[in-house]
C-alpha atoms as a PDB file:
ATOM      1  CA  MET A   1      86.188 112.500 123.868  1.00  0.00           C
ATOM      2  CA  ARG A   2      88.266 111.118 120.984  1.00  0.00           C
ATOM      3  CA  LYS A   3      86.447 113.372 118.506  1.00  0.00           C
ATOM      4  CA  LEU A   4      87.040 116.396 120.745  1.00  0.00           C
ATOM      5  CA  THR A   5      90.722 115.485 121.070  1.00  0.00           C
ATOM      6  CA  SER A   6      90.991 115.025 117.328  1.00  0.00           C
ATOM      7  CA  THR A   7      89.305 118.391 116.692  1.00  0.00           C
ATOM      8  CA  ILE A   8      91.597 120.139 119.169  1.00  0.00           C
ATOM      9  CA  PHE A   9      94.605 118.412 117.626  1.00  0.00           C
ATOM     10  CA  SER A  10      93.561 119.562 114.153  1.00  0.00           C
ATOM     11  CA  MET A  11      93.022 123.125 115.352  1.00  0.00           C
ATOM     12  CA  LEU A  12      96.445 123.148 117.016  1.00  0.00           C
ATOM     13  CA  VAL A  13      98.079 121.941 113.825  1.00  0.00           C
ATOM     14  CA  LEU A  14      96.230 124.640 111.887  1.00  0.00           C
ATOM     15  CA  LEU A  15      97.274 127.320 114.395  1.00  0.00           C
ATOM     16  CA  ALA A  16     100.871 126.114 114.259  1.00  0.00           C
ATOM     17  CA  PHE A  17     100.727 126.259 110.488  1.00  0.00           C
ATOM     18  CA  VAL A  18      99.292 129.794 110.421  1.00  0.00           C
ATOM     19  CA  ALA A  19     101.685 131.056 113.106  1.00  0.00           C
ATOM     20  CA  CYS A  20     104.689 129.701 111.238  1.00  0.00           C
ATOM     21  CA  LYS A  21     103.789 131.049 107.804  1.00  0.00           C
ATOM     22  CA  ASP A  22     106.710 133.527 107.743  1.00  0.00           C
ATOM     23  CA  THR A  23     108.626 132.184 104.760  1.00  0.00           C
ATOM     24  CA  LYS A  24     108.013 129.771 101.927  1.00  0.00           C
ATOM     25  CA  LYS A  25     110.606 127.345 103.330  1.00  0.00           C
ATOM     26  CA  ASP A  26     109.122 127.558 106.819  1.00  0.00           C
ATOM     27  CA  ASN A  27     105.645 127.163 105.359  1.00  0.00           C
ATOM     28  CA  ASP A  28     106.604 124.009 103.429  1.00  0.00           C
ATOM     29  CA  PHE A  29     108.360 122.528 106.456  1.00  0.00           C
ATOM     30  CA  HIS A  30     105.317 122.976 108.671  1.00  0.00           C
ATOM     31  CA  LYS A  31     102.936 121.734 105.968  1.00  0.00           C
ATOM     32  CA  GLU A  32     104.947 118.534 105.711  1.00  0.00           C
ATOM     33  CA  LEU A  33     105.052 118.160 109.497  1.00  0.00           C
ATOM     34  CA  ALA A  34     101.300 118.694 109.793  1.00  0.00           C
ATOM     35  CA  LYS A  35     100.704 116.135 107.040  1.00  0.00           C
ATOM     36  CA  GLU A  36     102.855 113.561 108.833  1.00  0.00           C
ATOM     37  CA  HIS A  37     101.112 114.243 112.155  1.00  0.00           C
ATOM     38  CA  THR A  38      97.775 113.578 110.478  1.00  0.00           C
ATOM     39  CA  THR A  39      99.140 110.338 109.007  1.00  0.00           C
ATOM     40  CA  PHE A  40     100.446 109.247 112.428  1.00  0.00           C
ATOM     41  CA  GLU A  41      97.112 109.964 114.057  1.00  0.00           C
ATOM     42  CA  THR A  42      95.199 108.060 111.365  1.00  0.00           C
ATOM     43  CA  GLU A  43      97.470 105.031 111.668  1.00  0.00           C
ATOM     44  CA  HIS A  44      97.206 105.076 115.460  1.00  0.00           C
ATOM     45  CA  THR A  45      93.420 105.225 115.266  1.00  0.00           C
ATOM     46  CA  SER A  46      93.464 102.198 112.953  1.00  0.00           C
ATOM     47  CA  MET A  47      95.741 100.353 115.366  1.00  0.00           C
ATOM     48  CA  LYS A  48      93.463 101.100 118.308  1.00  0.00           C
ATOM     49  CA  GLU A  49      90.445  99.810 116.360  1.00  0.00           C
ATOM     50  CA  ALA A  50      92.344  96.641 115.434  1.00  0.00           C
ATOM     51  CA  HIS A  51      93.288  96.169 119.089  1.00  0.00           C
ATOM     52  CA  LYS A  52      89.646  96.514 120.138  1.00  0.00           C
ATOM     53  CA  LYS A  53      88.668  93.857 117.610  1.00  0.00           C
ATOM     54  CA  MET A  54      91.413  91.538 118.861  1.00  0.00           C
ATOM     55  CA  GLU A  55      90.314  92.093 122.435  1.00  0.00           C
ATOM     56  CA  GLN A  56      86.710  91.219 121.533  1.00  0.00           C
ATOM     57  CA  GLU A  57      87.870  88.037 119.808  1.00  0.00           C
ATOM     58  CA  HIS A  58      89.940  87.152 122.870  1.00  0.00           C
ATOM     59  CA  MET A  59      86.928  87.570 125.133  1.00  0.00           C
ATOM     60  CA  LYS A  60      84.851  85.379 122.819  1.00  0.00           C
ATOM     61  CA  MET A  61      87.619  82.790 122.886  1.00  0.00           C
ATOM     62  CA  VAL A  62      87.706  82.843 126.699  1.00  0.00           C
ATOM     63  CA  GLY A  63      83.955  82.279 126.733  1.00  0.00           C
ATOM     64  CA  GLU A  64      84.345  79.282 124.432  1.00  0.00           C
ATOM     65  CA  HIS A  65      87.104  77.877 126.638  1.00  0.00           C
ATOM     66  CA  ASN A  66      84.901  78.122 129.681  1.00  0.00           C
ATOM     67  CA  LYS A  67      82.059  76.330 127.893  1.00  0.00           C
ATOM     68  CA  VAL A  68      84.016  73.342 126.627  1.00  0.00           C
ATOM     69  CA  MET A  69      86.760  72.792 129.166  1.00  0.00           C
ATOM     70  CA  SER A  70      87.157  72.460 132.876  1.00  0.00           C
ATOM     71  CA  GLU A  71      89.455  74.829 134.765  1.00  0.00           C
ATOM     72  CA  ASN A  72      91.862  71.943 135.511  1.00  0.00           C
ATOM     73  CA  ASP A  73      92.501  71.149 131.874  1.00  0.00           C
ATOM     74  CA  SER A  74      96.198  71.876 131.255  1.00  0.00           C
ATOM     75  CA  LEU A  75      95.617  72.839 127.622  1.00  0.00           C
ATOM     76  CA  HIS A  76      93.039  75.373 128.753  1.00  0.00           C
ATOM     77  CA  VAL A  77      95.496  76.826 131.257  1.00  0.00           C
ATOM     78  CA  LEU A  78      98.178  77.126 128.559  1.00  0.00           C
ATOM     79  CA  MET A  79      95.769  78.853 126.180  1.00  0.00           C
ATOM     80  CA  GLU A  80      94.649  81.188 128.954  1.00  0.00           C
ATOM     81  CA  ASN A  81      98.287  82.095 129.678  1.00  0.00           C
ATOM     82  CA  ASP A  82      98.854  82.820 125.977  1.00  0.00           C
ATOM     83  CA  HIS A  83      95.740  84.955 125.957  1.00  0.00           C
ATOM     84  CA  ASN A  84      96.903  86.952 128.978  1.00  0.00           C
ATOM     85  CA  SER A  85     100.351  87.429 127.455  1.00  0.00           C
ATOM     86  CA  VAL A  86      98.897  88.860 124.239  1.00  0.00           C
ATOM     87  CA  LEU A  87      96.617  91.169 126.231  1.00  0.00           C
ATOM     88  CA  LYS A  88      99.637  92.505 128.157  1.00  0.00           C
ATOM     89  CA  LYS A  89     101.443  93.167 124.868  1.00  0.00           C
ATOM     90  CA  HIS A  90      98.300  94.850 123.593  1.00  0.00           C
ATOM     91  CA  GLN A  91      98.202  97.171 126.619  1.00  0.00           C
ATOM     92  CA  ALA A  92     101.890  98.050 126.237  1.00  0.00           C
ATOM     93  CA  ILE A  93     101.351  99.040 122.599  1.00  0.00           C
ATOM     94  CA  ILE A  94      98.352 101.190 123.541  1.00  0.00           C
ATOM     95  CA  GLU A  95     100.502 102.935 126.169  1.00  0.00           C
ATOM     96  CA  LYS A  96     103.245 103.551 123.576  1.00  0.00           C
ATOM     97  CA  HIS A  97     100.591 104.929 121.243  1.00  0.00           C
ATOM     98  CA  ASP A  98      99.332 107.331 123.901  1.00  0.00           C
ATOM     99  CA  ALA A  99     102.886 108.479 124.676  1.00  0.00           C
ATOM    100  CA  LEU A 100     103.558 109.128 120.986  1.00  0.00           C
ATOM    101  CA  ILE A 101     100.385 111.219 120.680  1.00  0.00           C
ATOM    102  CA  SER A 102     101.506 113.166 123.746  1.00  0.00           C
ATOM    103  CA  ASN A 103     104.887 113.761 122.076  1.00  0.00           C
ATOM    104  CA  HIS A 104     103.071 115.061 118.990  1.00  0.00           C
ATOM    105  CA  LYS A 105     101.270 117.604 121.148  1.00  0.00           C
ATOM    106  CA  THR A 106     104.565 118.675 122.734  1.00  0.00           C
ATOM    107  CA  LEU A 107     106.069 119.147 119.293  1.00  0.00           C
ATOM    108  CA  GLU A 108     103.077 121.246 118.261  1.00  0.00           C
ATOM    109  CA  SER A 109     103.696 123.550 121.227  1.00  0.00           C
ATOM    110  CA  LYS A 110     107.250 123.974 120.049  1.00  0.00           C
ATOM    111  CA  HIS A 111     105.935 124.936 116.609  1.00  0.00           C
ATOM    112  CA  LYS A 112     104.056 127.782 118.239  1.00  0.00           C
ATOM    113  CA  ASP A 113     106.909 128.710 120.551  1.00  0.00           C
ATOM    114  CA  ARG A 114     109.315 130.153 118.026  1.00  0.00           C
ATOM    115  CA  SER A 115     112.218 129.767 120.475  1.00  0.00           C
ATOM    116  CA  SER A 116     112.705 126.199 119.220  1.00  0.00           C
ATOM    117  CA  THR A 117     114.846 126.065 116.143  1.00  0.00           C
ATOM    118  CA  GLU A 118     113.767 124.281 113.027  1.00  0.00           C
ATOM    119  CA  GLU A 119     116.661 121.860 113.560  1.00  0.00           C
ATOM    120  CA  GLU A 120     115.437 120.964 117.076  1.00  0.00           C
ATOM    121  CA  ILE A 121     111.955 120.360 115.733  1.00  0.00           C
ATOM    122  CA  LYS A 122     113.317 118.210 112.893  1.00  0.00           C
ATOM    123  CA  THR A 123     115.388 116.167 115.360  1.00  0.00           C
ATOM    124  CA  GLU A 124     112.411 115.526 117.625  1.00  0.00           C
ATOM    125  CA  HIS A 125     110.235 114.764 114.639  1.00  0.00           C
ATOM    126  CA  ALA A 126     112.752 112.208 113.345  1.00  0.00           C
ATOM    127  CA  LYS A 127     112.813 110.587 116.789  1.00  0.00           C
ATOM    128  CA  MET A 128     109.012 110.383 116.799  1.00  0.00           C
ATOM    129  CA  LYS A 129     109.020 108.851 113.312  1.00  0.00           C
ATOM    130  CA  ALA A 130     111.407 106.154 114.543  1.00  0.00           C
ATOM    131  CA  GLU A 131     109.174 105.512 117.571  1.00  0.00           C
ATOM    132  CA  HIS A 132     106.198 105.338 115.240  1.00  0.00           C
ATOM    133  CA  GLU A 133     107.902 102.714 113.070  1.00  0.00           C
ATOM    134  CA  THR A 134     108.714 100.682 116.185  1.00  0.00           C
ATOM    135  CA  LEU A 135     105.094 100.937 117.242  1.00  0.00           C
ATOM    136  CA  LYS A 136     103.945  99.725 113.826  1.00  0.00           C
ATOM    137  CA  ALA A 137     106.333  96.754 114.070  1.00  0.00           C
ATOM    138  CA  ASP A 138     105.051  95.958 117.580  1.00  0.00           C
ATOM    139  CA  HIS A 139     101.500  96.143 116.288  1.00  0.00           C
ATOM    140  CA  LYS A 140     102.327  93.752 113.428  1.00  0.00           C
ATOM    141  CA  LYS A 141     103.892  91.276 115.869  1.00  0.00           C
ATOM    142  CA  LEU A 142     100.814  91.485 118.079  1.00  0.00           C
ATOM    143  CA  GLU A 143      98.569  90.806 115.091  1.00  0.00           C
ATOM    144  CA  ASP A 144     100.741  87.797 114.172  1.00  0.00           C
ATOM    145  CA  ASP A 145     100.580  86.506 117.766  1.00  0.00           C
ATOM    146  CA  HIS A 146      96.826  86.978 117.738  1.00  0.00           C
ATOM    147  CA  THR A 147      96.439  85.095 114.453  1.00  0.00           C
ATOM    148  CA  LYS A 148      98.550  82.208 115.771  1.00  0.00           C
ATOM    149  CA  MET A 149      96.583  82.111 118.997  1.00  0.00           C
ATOM    150  CA  MET A 150      93.255  82.040 117.154  1.00  0.00           C
ATOM    151  CA  LYS A 151      94.562  79.199 114.945  1.00  0.00           C
ATOM    152  CA  ASP A 152      95.735  77.279 118.040  1.00  0.00           C
ATOM    153  CA  HIS A 153      92.382  77.916 119.673  1.00  0.00           C
ATOM    154  CA  LYS A 154      90.491  76.548 116.687  1.00  0.00           C
ATOM    155  CA  GLN A 155      92.733  73.479 116.573  1.00  0.00           C
ATOM    156  CA  MET A 156      92.260  72.913 120.300  1.00  0.00           C
ATOM    157  CA  LEU A 157      88.484  73.105 119.964  1.00  0.00           C
ATOM    158  CA  GLU A 158      88.582  70.619 117.079  1.00  0.00           C
ATOM    159  CA  GLU A 159      90.729  68.226 119.132  1.00  0.00           C
ATOM    160  CA  HIS A 160      88.416  68.586 122.103  1.00  0.00           C
ATOM    161  CA  SER A 161      85.412  67.898 119.895  1.00  0.00           C
ATOM    162  CA  LYS A 162      87.112  64.756 118.490  1.00  0.00           C
ATOM    163  CA  GLU A 163      87.864  63.573 122.035  1.00  0.00           C
ATOM    164  CA  GLU A 164      84.242  64.094 123.026  1.00  0.00           C
ATOM    165  CA  ASN A 165      83.053  62.157 119.961  1.00  0.00           C
ATOM    166  CA  THR A 166      85.480  59.325 120.744  1.00  0.00           C
ATOM    167  CA  LYS A 167      84.220  59.193 124.346  1.00  0.00           C
ATOM    168  CA  ASP A 168      80.615  59.146 123.128  1.00  0.00           C
ATOM    169  CA  GLU A 169      81.336  56.323 120.663  1.00  0.00           C
ATOM    170  CA  SER A 170      83.195  54.227 123.229  1.00  0.00           C
ATOM    171  CA  SER A 171      80.397  54.653 125.783  1.00  0.00           C
ATOM    172  CA  LYS A 172      77.877  53.513 123.134  1.00  0.00           C
ATOM    173  CA  GLU A 173      80.019  50.446 122.390  1.00  0.00           C
ATOM    174  CA  ASP A 174      80.138  49.590 126.098  1.00  0.00           C
ATOM    175  CA  HIS A 175      76.355  49.336 126.189  1.00  0.00           C
END
């Protein structure tokens, strides 16, 4: 489905480019716009792949939690809440990504519909660029949150392991 969408997107950009090839200035403007759309799409694809990887790591982490801790452990509950918070942020960024791609498609339609002025297209494009930068910043924050959570998770597992070793040693001393 993604490949089909990407192919259709590329064809629409190409059609918009061909349809708007009236003047050199117009041609250059649309070439630049098409280039930026391709860049946006590539960056969004990278973000989605990074999100999938984070999600997989989160699920692995949840599995580890369930193996080493009981459900009543307060540290486990805190880590689980952090995990759920990051997943919610992840979903919000994916939704922003999808909305931005939808806006790209709307802008492409306006390229074809010559009733939109170049200035209107430039204004919308500038707005989308700003949204894109916000999305990149959100993505960076999510990656930072994820890194911190994984570090906390590792530390928690180490502490739990030390506690288990201490319990084992004290039970051996009792005998």
